[in-house]
Amino acid sequence: MATSEAATVTATATATATAAGTETQPHKLERKWTFWFDNQSKPKQGAAWGTSLRKVYTFDTVEEFWCLYDQIFKPSRLPINADFHLFKAGIEPKWEDPECASGGKWSVTSNRKAILDNMWLETMMALIGEQFDEADEICGVVASVRQRQDKLALWTKTAANEAAQMGIGKKWKEIIDVTDRITYSFHDDSRRERSVKSRYNV
């Protein structure tokens, strides 16, 4: 089920972005980005985490991004336990990826799909528009739809670099217009412990 759903998302994204690419003089982004899709709602017995993760589409123009977002990549359209990821091209949204291995993530939760959609869009625009001073430190963002509470997580490279993480956290909080405290956790802690403590907060 997850595989066929991912295939449908991939096919739709390819057709959508191809149509966007036919327009004249597309506006190039500073770097390439990749959308990923993961549906863990019906995991196979004994399947390892990440087996349902699928790369959907890599883009590098403003036009492709808007077509993909408008047609496909809104978290409010996702089933429960599914995730959308937007990561720099070449980085997989996994702890095991060399770019993510020593990193962590800032997290924010939402009880309303409209708010999640808005925070997701604002974050993606900030990423592809290179609005973060520590842009090289950022890996990508994940929107997760869950039964009780949806979540947005901004993944970064070097968890131990507190100054960089605090700068990113403060900027992200402004971008998504959140007044509540947001927290940062290390991927290493998540790997080892079931209940993960927050290392930084803003």
N, C-alpha and C. Protein backbone atom coordinates (compact mmCIF):
# COMPACT_ATOMS: atom_id res chain seq x y z
N MET A 1 0.83 -1.20 0.00
CA MET A 1 0.00 0.00 0.00
C MET A 1 0.87 1.26 0.00
N ALA A 2 1.85 1.29 0.92
CA ALA A 2 2.73 2.46 1.01
C ALA A 2 3.52 2.63 -0.27
N THR A 3 3.97 1.52 -0.87
CA THR A 3 4.76 1.60 -2.09
C THR A 3 3.94 2.13 -3.25
N SER A 4 2.71 1.64 -3.44
CA SER A 4 1.87 2.10 -4.54
C SER A 4 1.47 3.55 -4.34
N GLU A 5 1.24 3.95 -3.08
CA GLU A 5 0.90 5.34 -2.79
C GLU A 5 2.08 6.25 -3.12
N ALA A 6 3.28 5.82 -2.74
CA ALA A 6 4.48 6.59 -3.05
C ALA A 6 4.69 6.69 -4.56
N ALA A 7 4.41 5.61 -5.28
CA ALA A 7 4.56 5.61 -6.74
C ALA A 7 3.60 6.60 -7.37
N THR A 8 2.37 6.66 -6.84
CA THR A 8 1.38 7.61 -7.36
C THR A 8 1.83 9.04 -7.11
N VAL A 9 2.33 9.30 -5.90
CA VAL A 9 2.83 10.64 -5.56
C VAL A 9 3.98 11.01 -6.49
N THR A 10 4.90 10.06 -6.73
CA THR A 10 6.05 10.32 -7.61
C THR A 10 5.61 10.61 -9.04
N ALA A 11 4.70 9.81 -9.56
CA ALA A 11 4.23 10.01 -10.93
C ALA A 11 3.53 11.35 -11.09
N THR A 12 2.69 11.71 -10.10
CA THR A 12 1.98 12.98 -10.15
C THR A 12 2.96 14.15 -10.07
N ALA A 13 3.95 14.03 -9.19
CA ALA A 13 4.94 15.10 -9.04
C ALA A 13 5.74 15.29 -10.31
N THR A 14 6.12 14.19 -10.96
CA THR A 14 6.90 14.27 -12.20
C THR A 14 6.10 14.97 -13.29
N ALA A 15 4.85 14.58 -13.45
CA ALA A 15 4.00 15.20 -14.47
C ALA A 15 3.78 16.68 -14.18
N THR A 16 3.54 17.00 -12.91
CA THR A 16 3.30 18.38 -12.50
C THR A 16 4.52 19.26 -12.74
N ALA A 17 5.67 18.79 -12.29
CA ALA A 17 6.90 19.58 -12.43
C ALA A 17 7.34 19.68 -13.88
N THR A 18 7.08 18.64 -14.66
CA THR A 18 7.42 18.69 -16.09
C THR A 18 6.61 19.78 -16.76
N ALA A 19 5.33 19.87 -16.40
CA ALA A 19 4.48 20.92 -16.95
C ALA A 19 5.01 22.30 -16.56
N ALA A 20 5.49 22.42 -15.32
CA ALA A 20 6.03 23.70 -14.84
C ALA A 20 7.29 24.07 -15.61
N GLY A 21 8.08 23.06 -15.97
CA GLY A 21 9.34 23.30 -16.64
C GLY A 21 9.21 23.77 -18.08
N THR A 22 7.99 23.69 -18.62
CA THR A 22 7.81 24.12 -20.02
C THR A 22 7.69 25.64 -20.13
N GLU A 23 7.52 26.32 -19.01
CA GLU A 23 7.44 27.77 -19.06
C GLU A 23 8.80 28.37 -19.40
N THR A 24 8.80 29.56 -19.99
CA THR A 24 10.05 30.18 -20.40
C THR A 24 10.81 30.76 -19.22
N GLN A 25 12.12 30.70 -19.33
CA GLN A 25 13.05 31.28 -18.36
C GLN A 25 12.66 31.03 -16.89
N PRO A 26 12.78 29.79 -16.44
CA PRO A 26 12.47 29.50 -15.04
C PRO A 26 13.46 30.19 -14.11
N HIS A 27 13.02 30.48 -12.90
CA HIS A 27 13.85 31.16 -11.91
C HIS A 27 14.62 30.10 -11.10
N LYS A 28 15.92 30.04 -11.33
CA LYS A 28 16.77 29.03 -10.68
C LYS A 28 16.97 29.33 -9.20
N LEU A 29 16.97 28.28 -8.40
CA LEU A 29 17.27 28.40 -6.99
C LEU A 29 18.78 28.27 -6.79
N GLU A 30 19.26 28.63 -5.59
CA GLU A 30 20.69 28.55 -5.32
C GLU A 30 21.20 27.12 -5.25
N ARG A 31 20.31 26.20 -4.88
CA ARG A 31 20.69 24.79 -4.80
C ARG A 31 19.48 23.91 -5.12
N LYS A 32 19.75 22.63 -5.32
CA LYS A 32 18.66 21.68 -5.60
C LYS A 32 18.08 21.14 -4.30
N TRP A 33 16.77 20.86 -4.36
CA TRP A 33 16.05 20.31 -3.21
C TRP A 33 15.26 19.08 -3.65
N THR A 34 15.03 18.16 -2.71
CA THR A 34 14.31 16.93 -3.03
C THR A 34 13.14 16.73 -2.06
N PHE A 35 11.97 16.42 -2.63
CA PHE A 35 10.81 16.01 -1.84
C PHE A 35 10.87 14.50 -1.63
N TRP A 36 10.54 14.07 -0.42
CA TRP A 36 10.44 12.66 -0.07
C TRP A 36 9.07 12.41 0.53
N PHE A 37 8.59 11.18 0.43
CA PHE A 37 7.29 10.80 0.98
C PHE A 37 7.44 9.50 1.76
N ASP A 38 6.76 9.44 2.89
CA ASP A 38 6.82 8.23 3.72
C ASP A 38 5.45 8.00 4.35
N ASN A 39 4.90 6.80 4.18
CA ASN A 39 3.63 6.46 4.80
C ASN A 39 3.82 5.23 5.68
N GLN A 40 3.82 5.45 6.99
CA GLN A 40 4.04 4.35 7.93
C GLN A 40 2.73 3.84 8.52
N SER A 41 1.61 4.16 7.89
CA SER A 41 0.31 3.77 8.44
C SER A 41 0.09 2.27 8.41
N LYS A 42 0.69 1.59 7.43
CA LYS A 42 0.56 0.13 7.35
C LYS A 42 1.92 -0.52 7.16
N PRO A 43 2.78 -0.46 8.18
CA PRO A 43 4.12 -1.03 8.02
C PRO A 43 4.08 -2.55 7.90
N LYS A 44 4.98 -3.09 7.11
CA LYS A 44 5.06 -4.54 6.98
C LYS A 44 5.64 -5.12 8.27
N GLN A 45 5.23 -6.33 8.57
CA GLN A 45 5.69 -7.01 9.78
C GLN A 45 7.22 -7.08 9.80
N GLY A 46 7.82 -6.54 10.85
CA GLY A 46 9.27 -6.64 11.01
C GLY A 46 10.07 -5.72 10.10
N ALA A 47 9.41 -4.85 9.36
CA ALA A 47 10.13 -3.95 8.43
C ALA A 47 10.89 -2.90 9.22
N ALA A 48 12.11 -2.62 8.79
CA ALA A 48 12.94 -1.61 9.45
C ALA A 48 12.41 -0.22 9.12
N TRP A 49 12.69 0.73 10.05
CA TRP A 49 12.27 2.10 9.79
C TRP A 49 12.95 2.60 8.52
N GLY A 50 12.20 3.35 7.72
CA GLY A 50 12.78 3.94 6.51
C GLY A 50 12.53 3.12 5.26
N THR A 51 12.00 1.90 5.40
CA THR A 51 11.79 1.06 4.22
C THR A 51 10.67 1.59 3.33
N SER A 52 9.77 2.39 3.92
CA SER A 52 8.67 2.95 3.11
C SER A 52 8.99 4.36 2.60
N LEU A 53 10.19 4.85 2.93
CA LEU A 53 10.60 6.18 2.50
C LEU A 53 10.92 6.19 1.00
N ARG A 54 10.35 7.13 0.26
CA ARG A 54 10.55 7.20 -1.19
C ARG A 54 10.94 8.61 -1.64
N LYS A 55 11.97 8.68 -2.47
CA LYS A 55 12.32 9.95 -3.09
C LYS A 55 11.27 10.25 -4.17
N VAL A 56 10.72 11.45 -4.16
CA VAL A 56 9.64 11.78 -5.10
C VAL A 56 10.13 12.64 -6.26
N TYR A 57 10.74 13.79 -5.95
CA TYR A 57 11.15 14.68 -7.05
C TYR A 57 12.22 15.66 -6.58
N THR A 58 13.21 15.88 -7.41
CA THR A 58 14.26 16.88 -7.14
C THR A 58 14.02 18.08 -8.08
N PHE A 59 14.05 19.26 -7.51
CA PHE A 59 13.78 20.47 -8.31
C PHE A 59 14.82 21.54 -8.02
N ASP A 60 14.92 22.50 -8.94
CA ASP A 60 15.85 23.62 -8.70
C ASP A 60 15.33 24.94 -9.27
N THR A 61 14.01 25.03 -9.47
CA THR A 61 13.43 26.30 -9.93
C THR A 61 12.22 26.67 -9.07
N VAL A 62 11.93 27.96 -9.01
CA VAL A 62 10.78 28.47 -8.26
C VAL A 62 9.49 27.91 -8.83
N GLU A 63 9.43 27.84 -10.17
CA GLU A 63 8.20 27.37 -10.83
C GLU A 63 7.89 25.92 -10.48
N GLU A 64 8.90 25.07 -10.48
CA GLU A 64 8.69 23.66 -10.12
C GLU A 64 8.18 23.55 -8.69
N PHE A 65 8.80 24.32 -7.80
CA PHE A 65 8.39 24.27 -6.39
C PHE A 65 6.92 24.59 -6.24
N TRP A 66 6.47 25.70 -6.85
CA TRP A 66 5.08 26.10 -6.66
C TRP A 66 4.09 25.11 -7.26
N CYS A 67 4.43 24.55 -8.41
CA CYS A 67 3.54 23.53 -9.00
C CYS A 67 3.44 22.30 -8.10
N LEU A 68 4.59 21.85 -7.60
CA LEU A 68 4.62 20.67 -6.74
C LEU A 68 3.85 20.93 -5.44
N TYR A 69 4.06 22.10 -4.85
CA TYR A 69 3.37 22.40 -3.60
C TYR A 69 1.86 22.51 -3.82
N ASP A 70 1.46 23.27 -4.81
CA ASP A 70 0.02 23.50 -5.05
C ASP A 70 -0.73 22.21 -5.36
N GLN A 71 -0.09 21.32 -6.11
CA GLN A 71 -0.78 20.12 -6.56
C GLN A 71 -0.67 18.93 -5.59
N ILE A 72 0.42 18.87 -4.86
CA ILE A 72 0.69 17.63 -4.11
C ILE A 72 1.07 17.84 -2.66
N PHE A 73 2.09 18.65 -2.41
CA PHE A 73 2.78 18.59 -1.13
C PHE A 73 2.20 19.48 -0.02
N LYS A 74 0.93 19.25 0.32
CA LYS A 74 0.32 19.93 1.46
C LYS A 74 0.06 18.88 2.54
N PRO A 75 0.59 19.06 3.74
CA PRO A 75 0.42 18.06 4.79
C PRO A 75 -1.04 17.75 5.11
N SER A 76 -1.95 18.72 4.94
CA SER A 76 -3.36 18.50 5.26
C SER A 76 -3.98 17.43 4.36
N ARG A 77 -3.32 17.10 3.26
CA ARG A 77 -3.82 16.05 2.36
C ARG A 77 -3.28 14.67 2.70
N LEU A 78 -2.39 14.61 3.67
CA LEU A 78 -1.74 13.34 4.02
C LEU A 78 -2.62 12.47 4.91
N PRO A 79 -2.51 11.14 4.77
CA PRO A 79 -3.18 10.26 5.73
C PRO A 79 -2.43 10.25 7.05
N ILE A 80 -3.09 9.77 8.10
CA ILE A 80 -2.45 9.67 9.42
C ILE A 80 -1.19 8.80 9.32
N ASN A 81 -0.12 9.21 10.01
CA ASN A 81 1.17 8.51 10.06
C ASN A 81 2.01 8.65 8.79
N ALA A 82 1.68 9.63 7.96
CA ALA A 82 2.49 9.88 6.77
C ALA A 82 3.34 11.14 6.97
N ASP A 83 4.44 11.21 6.23
CA ASP A 83 5.35 12.35 6.31
C ASP A 83 5.70 12.87 4.93
N PHE A 84 5.85 14.19 4.84
CA PHE A 84 6.49 14.82 3.69
C PHE A 84 7.83 15.36 4.17
N HIS A 85 8.86 15.23 3.35
CA HIS A 85 10.18 15.75 3.68
C HIS A 85 10.65 16.65 2.53
N LEU A 86 11.28 17.75 2.86
CA LEU A 86 11.99 18.56 1.86
C LEU A 86 13.43 18.69 2.36
N PHE A 87 14.36 18.04 1.65
CA PHE A 87 15.77 18.05 2.06
C PHE A 87 16.65 18.51 0.90
N LYS A 88 17.81 19.03 1.25
CA LYS A 88 18.78 19.38 0.21
C LYS A 88 19.07 18.14 -0.62
N ALA A 89 19.18 18.32 -1.93
CA ALA A 89 19.47 17.19 -2.81
C ALA A 89 20.77 16.54 -2.38
N GLY A 90 20.76 15.21 -2.31
CA GLY A 90 21.94 14.47 -1.90
C GLY A 90 21.93 14.06 -0.44
N ILE A 91 20.97 14.60 0.33
CA ILE A 91 20.85 14.23 1.74
C ILE A 91 19.56 13.43 1.92
N GLU A 92 19.67 12.23 2.49
CA GLU A 92 18.47 11.44 2.77
C GLU A 92 17.94 11.80 4.15
N PRO A 93 16.63 11.87 4.31
CA PRO A 93 16.06 12.22 5.63
C PRO A 93 16.11 11.06 6.61
N LYS A 94 17.33 10.64 6.92
CA LYS A 94 17.56 9.53 7.85
C LYS A 94 18.70 9.90 8.79
N TRP A 95 18.63 9.40 10.01
CA TRP A 95 19.72 9.62 10.96
C TRP A 95 21.03 9.09 10.41
N GLU A 96 20.96 8.01 9.62
CA GLU A 96 22.18 7.35 9.15
C GLU A 96 22.90 8.12 8.06
N ASP A 97 22.22 9.07 7.41
CA ASP A 97 22.88 9.84 6.37
C ASP A 97 24.06 10.61 6.98
N PRO A 98 25.25 10.58 6.32
CA PRO A 98 26.43 11.24 6.89
C PRO A 98 26.20 12.72 7.24
N GLU A 99 25.35 13.41 6.48
CA GLU A 99 25.09 14.83 6.74
C GLU A 99 24.22 15.03 7.98
N CYS A 100 23.46 14.00 8.34
CA CYS A 100 22.53 14.10 9.47
C CYS A 100 23.03 13.42 10.74
N ALA A 101 24.00 12.53 10.59
CA ALA A 101 24.42 11.64 11.68
C ALA A 101 24.79 12.36 12.98
N SER A 102 25.44 13.50 12.88
CA SER A 102 25.86 14.23 14.08
C SER A 102 24.93 15.39 14.39
N GLY A 103 23.76 15.36 13.79
CA GLY A 103 22.84 16.49 13.92
C GLY A 103 21.71 16.29 14.90
N GLY A 104 20.68 17.09 14.70
CA GLY A 104 19.49 17.04 15.54
C GLY A 104 18.37 17.78 14.86
N LYS A 105 17.34 18.13 15.64
CA LYS A 105 16.20 18.80 15.01
C LYS A 105 15.47 19.72 15.98
N TRP A 106 15.00 20.83 15.43
CA TRP A 106 14.07 21.70 16.13
C TRP A 106 12.68 21.17 15.84
N SER A 107 11.80 21.16 16.83
CA SER A 107 10.45 20.61 16.63
C SER A 107 9.38 21.55 17.14
N VAL A 108 8.26 21.55 16.40
CA VAL A 108 7.08 22.31 16.82
C VAL A 108 5.85 21.46 16.51
N THR A 109 4.83 21.52 17.38
CA THR A 109 3.63 20.72 17.17
C THR A 109 2.44 21.62 16.81
N SER A 110 1.43 21.00 16.21
CA SER A 110 0.23 21.74 15.82
C SER A 110 -0.99 20.83 15.93
N ASN A 111 -2.10 21.41 16.36
CA ASN A 111 -3.36 20.66 16.46
C ASN A 111 -4.29 20.93 15.29
N ARG A 112 -3.87 21.84 14.41
CA ARG A 112 -4.74 22.19 13.28
C ARG A 112 -4.00 22.07 11.96
N LYS A 113 -4.62 21.41 11.00
CA LYS A 113 -4.00 21.15 9.70
C LYS A 113 -3.68 22.45 8.96
N ALA A 114 -4.54 23.44 9.06
CA ALA A 114 -4.31 24.72 8.35
C ALA A 114 -3.04 25.39 8.86
N ILE A 115 -2.82 25.31 10.17
CA ILE A 115 -1.61 25.91 10.76
C ILE A 115 -0.38 25.13 10.32
N LEU A 116 -0.48 23.79 10.32
CA LEU A 116 0.64 22.96 9.88
C LEU A 116 0.99 23.28 8.42
N ASP A 117 -0.02 23.38 7.56
CA ASP A 117 0.21 23.72 6.15
C ASP A 117 0.94 25.04 6.02
N ASN A 118 0.52 26.02 6.81
CA ASN A 118 1.13 27.35 6.72
C ASN A 118 2.57 27.34 7.22
N MET A 119 2.83 26.67 8.35
CA MET A 119 4.20 26.60 8.87
C MET A 119 5.11 25.85 7.91
N TRP A 120 4.60 24.78 7.32
CA TRP A 120 5.34 23.98 6.34
C TRP A 120 5.72 24.84 5.14
N LEU A 121 4.75 25.59 4.60
CA LEU A 121 5.01 26.44 3.44
C LEU A 121 6.01 27.54 3.77
N GLU A 122 5.81 28.22 4.91
CA GLU A 122 6.72 29.31 5.30
C GLU A 122 8.15 28.78 5.48
N THR A 123 8.26 27.59 6.06
CA THR A 123 9.59 27.00 6.28
C THR A 123 10.25 26.65 4.95
N MET A 124 9.51 26.04 4.05
CA MET A 124 10.07 25.67 2.74
C MET A 124 10.51 26.90 1.96
N MET A 125 9.70 27.95 2.00
CA MET A 125 10.07 29.18 1.27
C MET A 125 11.34 29.79 1.86
N ALA A 126 11.46 29.71 3.19
CA ALA A 126 12.68 30.23 3.84
C ALA A 126 13.90 29.41 3.45
N LEU A 127 13.72 28.09 3.33
CA LEU A 127 14.84 27.22 2.97
C LEU A 127 15.28 27.45 1.52
N ILE A 128 14.35 27.36 0.59
CA ILE A 128 14.75 27.49 -0.82
C ILE A 128 15.13 28.93 -1.16
N GLY A 129 14.65 29.88 -0.32
CA GLY A 129 15.01 31.29 -0.52
C GLY A 129 16.26 31.69 0.23
N GLU A 130 16.91 30.70 0.89
CA GLU A 130 18.18 30.92 1.62
C GLU A 130 18.06 32.05 2.65
N GLN A 131 17.02 32.00 3.46
CA GLN A 131 16.78 33.06 4.45
C GLN A 131 17.51 32.86 5.77
N PHE A 132 18.08 31.69 5.98
CA PHE A 132 18.80 31.42 7.23
C PHE A 132 20.27 31.81 7.09
N ASP A 133 20.81 32.51 8.09
CA ASP A 133 22.25 32.87 8.07
C ASP A 133 23.09 31.59 8.10
N GLU A 134 22.61 30.58 8.80
CA GLU A 134 23.34 29.30 8.93
C GLU A 134 22.80 28.27 7.92
N ALA A 135 22.53 28.70 6.69
CA ALA A 135 21.90 27.83 5.68
C ALA A 135 22.66 26.53 5.44
N ASP A 136 24.00 26.59 5.50
CA ASP A 136 24.80 25.39 5.26
C ASP A 136 24.63 24.35 6.38
N GLU A 137 24.14 24.80 7.51
CA GLU A 137 23.96 23.92 8.67
C GLU A 137 22.63 23.15 8.61
N ILE A 138 21.74 23.57 7.72
CA ILE A 138 20.40 22.97 7.65
C ILE A 138 20.36 21.82 6.64
N CYS A 139 19.72 20.71 7.04
CA CYS A 139 19.56 19.55 6.16
C CYS A 139 18.21 19.57 5.44
N GLY A 140 17.15 19.86 6.19
CA GLY A 140 15.82 19.87 5.60
C GLY A 140 14.73 19.94 6.65
N VAL A 141 13.49 19.78 6.20
CA VAL A 141 12.34 19.89 7.10
C VAL A 141 11.38 18.72 6.85
N VAL A 142 10.72 18.29 7.92
CA VAL A 142 9.78 17.16 7.85
C VAL A 142 8.43 17.58 8.43
N ALA A 143 7.36 17.32 7.68
CA ALA A 143 5.99 17.53 8.17
C ALA A 143 5.40 16.15 8.46
N SER A 144 4.98 15.92 9.70
CA SER A 144 4.45 14.61 10.11
C SER A 144 3.01 14.73 10.57
N VAL A 145 2.14 13.96 9.94
CA VAL A 145 0.72 13.97 10.31
C VAL A 145 0.45 12.78 11.23
N ARG A 146 -0.06 13.06 12.43
CA ARG A 146 -0.28 12.02 13.41
C ARG A 146 -1.71 12.12 13.99
N GLN A 147 -2.13 11.06 14.65
CA GLN A 147 -3.50 10.98 15.18
C GLN A 147 -3.79 12.11 16.17
N ARG A 148 -2.89 12.29 17.13
CA ARG A 148 -3.16 13.25 18.20
C ARG A 148 -2.64 14.65 17.90
N GLN A 149 -1.44 14.71 17.34
CA GLN A 149 -0.81 16.01 17.14
C GLN A 149 0.16 15.94 15.97
N ASP A 150 0.05 16.88 15.05
CA ASP A 150 0.97 16.93 13.92
C ASP A 150 2.27 17.62 14.36
N LYS A 151 3.32 17.37 13.59
CA LYS A 151 4.62 17.92 13.99
C LYS A 151 5.41 18.40 12.77
N LEU A 152 6.18 19.44 12.99
CA LEU A 152 7.12 19.94 11.98
C LEU A 152 8.50 19.90 12.62
N ALA A 153 9.48 19.37 11.90
CA ALA A 153 10.84 19.26 12.45
C ALA A 153 11.85 19.79 11.44
N LEU A 154 12.71 20.68 11.90
CA LEU A 154 13.77 21.25 11.07
C LEU A 154 15.08 20.56 11.44
N TRP A 155 15.64 19.78 10.51
CA TRP A 155 16.85 19.00 10.77
C TRP A 155 18.10 19.81 10.47
N THR A 156 19.09 19.68 11.35
CA THR A 156 20.36 20.39 11.14
C THR A 156 21.54 19.41 11.27
N LYS A 157 22.72 19.87 10.86
CA LYS A 157 23.91 18.99 10.74
C LYS A 157 24.68 18.75 12.02
N THR A 158 24.99 19.85 12.75
CA THR A 158 25.95 19.75 13.85
C THR A 158 25.29 20.10 15.17
N ALA A 159 24.72 19.10 15.83
CA ALA A 159 23.96 19.33 17.06
C ALA A 159 24.80 20.00 18.15
N ALA A 160 26.08 19.67 18.22
CA ALA A 160 26.94 20.20 19.28
C ALA A 160 27.26 21.69 19.11
N ASN A 161 27.02 22.24 17.93
CA ASN A 161 27.28 23.66 17.68
C ASN A 161 26.09 24.47 18.20
N GLU A 162 26.11 24.75 19.49
CA GLU A 162 24.97 25.40 20.13
C GLU A 162 24.67 26.78 19.54
N ALA A 163 25.70 27.56 19.25
CA ALA A 163 25.49 28.91 18.72
C ALA A 163 24.73 28.86 17.39
N ALA A 164 25.13 27.94 16.51
CA ALA A 164 24.45 27.81 15.21
C ALA A 164 23.01 27.36 15.40
N GLN A 165 22.80 26.38 16.29
CA GLN A 165 21.45 25.86 16.49
C GLN A 165 20.52 26.91 17.10
N MET A 166 21.04 27.69 18.03
CA MET A 166 20.22 28.74 18.63
C MET A 166 19.86 29.81 17.60
N GLY A 167 20.81 30.13 16.72
CA GLY A 167 20.53 31.10 15.66
C GLY A 167 19.44 30.60 14.73
N ILE A 168 19.52 29.32 14.38
CA ILE A 168 18.52 28.71 13.49
C ILE A 168 17.16 28.66 14.19
N GLY A 169 17.16 28.24 15.46
CA GLY A 169 15.91 28.13 16.20
C GLY A 169 15.18 29.46 16.32
N LYS A 170 15.93 30.52 16.64
CA LYS A 170 15.32 31.85 16.77
C LYS A 170 14.75 32.34 15.44
N LYS A 171 15.52 32.13 14.37
CA LYS A 171 15.06 32.56 13.05
C LYS A 171 13.83 31.77 12.63
N TRP A 172 13.84 30.46 12.86
CA TRP A 172 12.71 29.61 12.45
C TRP A 172 11.45 30.00 13.20
N LYS A 173 11.60 30.32 14.47
CA LYS A 173 10.45 30.72 15.28
C LYS A 173 9.80 31.99 14.70
N GLU A 174 10.63 32.91 14.24
CA GLU A 174 10.12 34.13 13.58
C GLU A 174 9.38 33.77 12.29
N ILE A 175 9.99 32.90 11.50
CA ILE A 175 9.45 32.54 10.19
C ILE A 175 8.08 31.89 10.31
N ILE A 176 7.93 30.97 11.28
CA ILE A 176 6.65 30.26 11.40
C ILE A 176 5.70 30.96 12.37
N ASP A 177 6.14 32.09 12.93
CA ASP A 177 5.29 32.93 13.78
C ASP A 177 4.72 32.16 14.98
N VAL A 178 5.63 31.54 15.73
CA VAL A 178 5.24 30.77 16.92
C VAL A 178 5.69 31.52 18.17
N THR A 179 4.80 31.61 19.16
CA THR A 179 5.17 32.29 20.41
C THR A 179 5.55 31.29 21.49
N ASP A 180 5.02 30.06 21.42
CA ASP A 180 5.38 29.04 22.40
C ASP A 180 6.83 28.62 22.23
N ARG A 181 7.38 28.04 23.28
CA ARG A 181 8.77 27.57 23.23
C ARG A 181 8.91 26.40 22.26
N ILE A 182 9.99 26.41 21.48
CA ILE A 182 10.29 25.26 20.64
C ILE A 182 11.59 24.63 21.13
N THR A 183 11.73 23.32 20.91
CA THR A 183 12.85 22.59 21.50
C THR A 183 13.71 21.91 20.44
N TYR A 184 14.96 21.67 20.82
CA TYR A 184 15.93 21.01 19.94
C TYR A 184 16.42 19.73 20.61
N SER A 185 16.40 18.63 19.85
CA SER A 185 16.91 17.36 20.37
C SER A 185 18.00 16.81 19.46
N PHE A 186 18.93 16.05 20.05
CA PHE A 186 20.02 15.43 19.30
C PHE A 186 19.54 14.10 18.71
N HIS A 187 19.91 13.79 17.46
CA HIS A 187 19.57 12.49 16.88
C HIS A 187 20.18 11.35 17.70
N ASP A 188 21.37 11.57 18.26
CA ASP A 188 22.05 10.55 19.08
C ASP A 188 21.18 10.15 20.27
N ASP A 189 20.57 11.14 20.91
CA ASP A 189 19.68 10.87 22.05
C ASP A 189 18.46 10.07 21.59
N SER A 190 17.92 10.45 20.44
CA SER A 190 16.73 9.77 19.91
C SER A 190 17.03 8.31 19.60
N ARG A 191 18.24 8.04 19.15
CA ARG A 191 18.64 6.67 18.83
C ARG A 191 18.71 5.81 20.09
N ARG A 192 19.17 6.42 21.18
CA ARG A 192 19.46 5.64 22.39
C ARG A 192 18.28 5.55 23.36
N GLU A 193 17.47 6.60 23.42
CA GLU A 193 16.44 6.67 24.45
C GLU A 193 15.04 6.78 23.86
N ARG A 194 14.09 6.21 24.57
CA ARG A 194 12.70 6.27 24.11
C ARG A 194 12.11 7.67 24.34
N SER A 195 12.33 8.23 25.53
CA SER A 195 11.86 9.60 25.79
C SER A 195 13.05 10.54 25.63
N VAL A 196 12.97 11.39 24.63
CA VAL A 196 14.12 12.23 24.28
C VAL A 196 14.05 13.56 25.01
N LYS A 197 15.17 13.94 25.63
CA LYS A 197 15.22 15.23 26.31
C LYS A 197 15.58 16.32 25.31
N SER A 198 15.10 17.53 25.58
CA SER A 198 15.47 18.65 24.72
C SER A 198 16.78 19.23 25.22
N ARG A 199 17.68 19.52 24.30
CA ARG A 199 19.00 20.06 24.66
C ARG A 199 19.00 21.60 24.66
N TYR A 200 18.30 22.19 23.67
CA TYR A 200 18.21 23.64 23.59
C TYR A 200 16.73 24.01 23.46
N ASN A 201 16.42 25.25 23.79
CA ASN A 201 15.06 25.74 23.51
C ASN A 201 15.08 27.25 23.34
N VAL A 202 14.13 27.74 22.56
CA VAL A 202 14.00 29.18 22.35
C VAL A 202 12.53 29.56 22.44
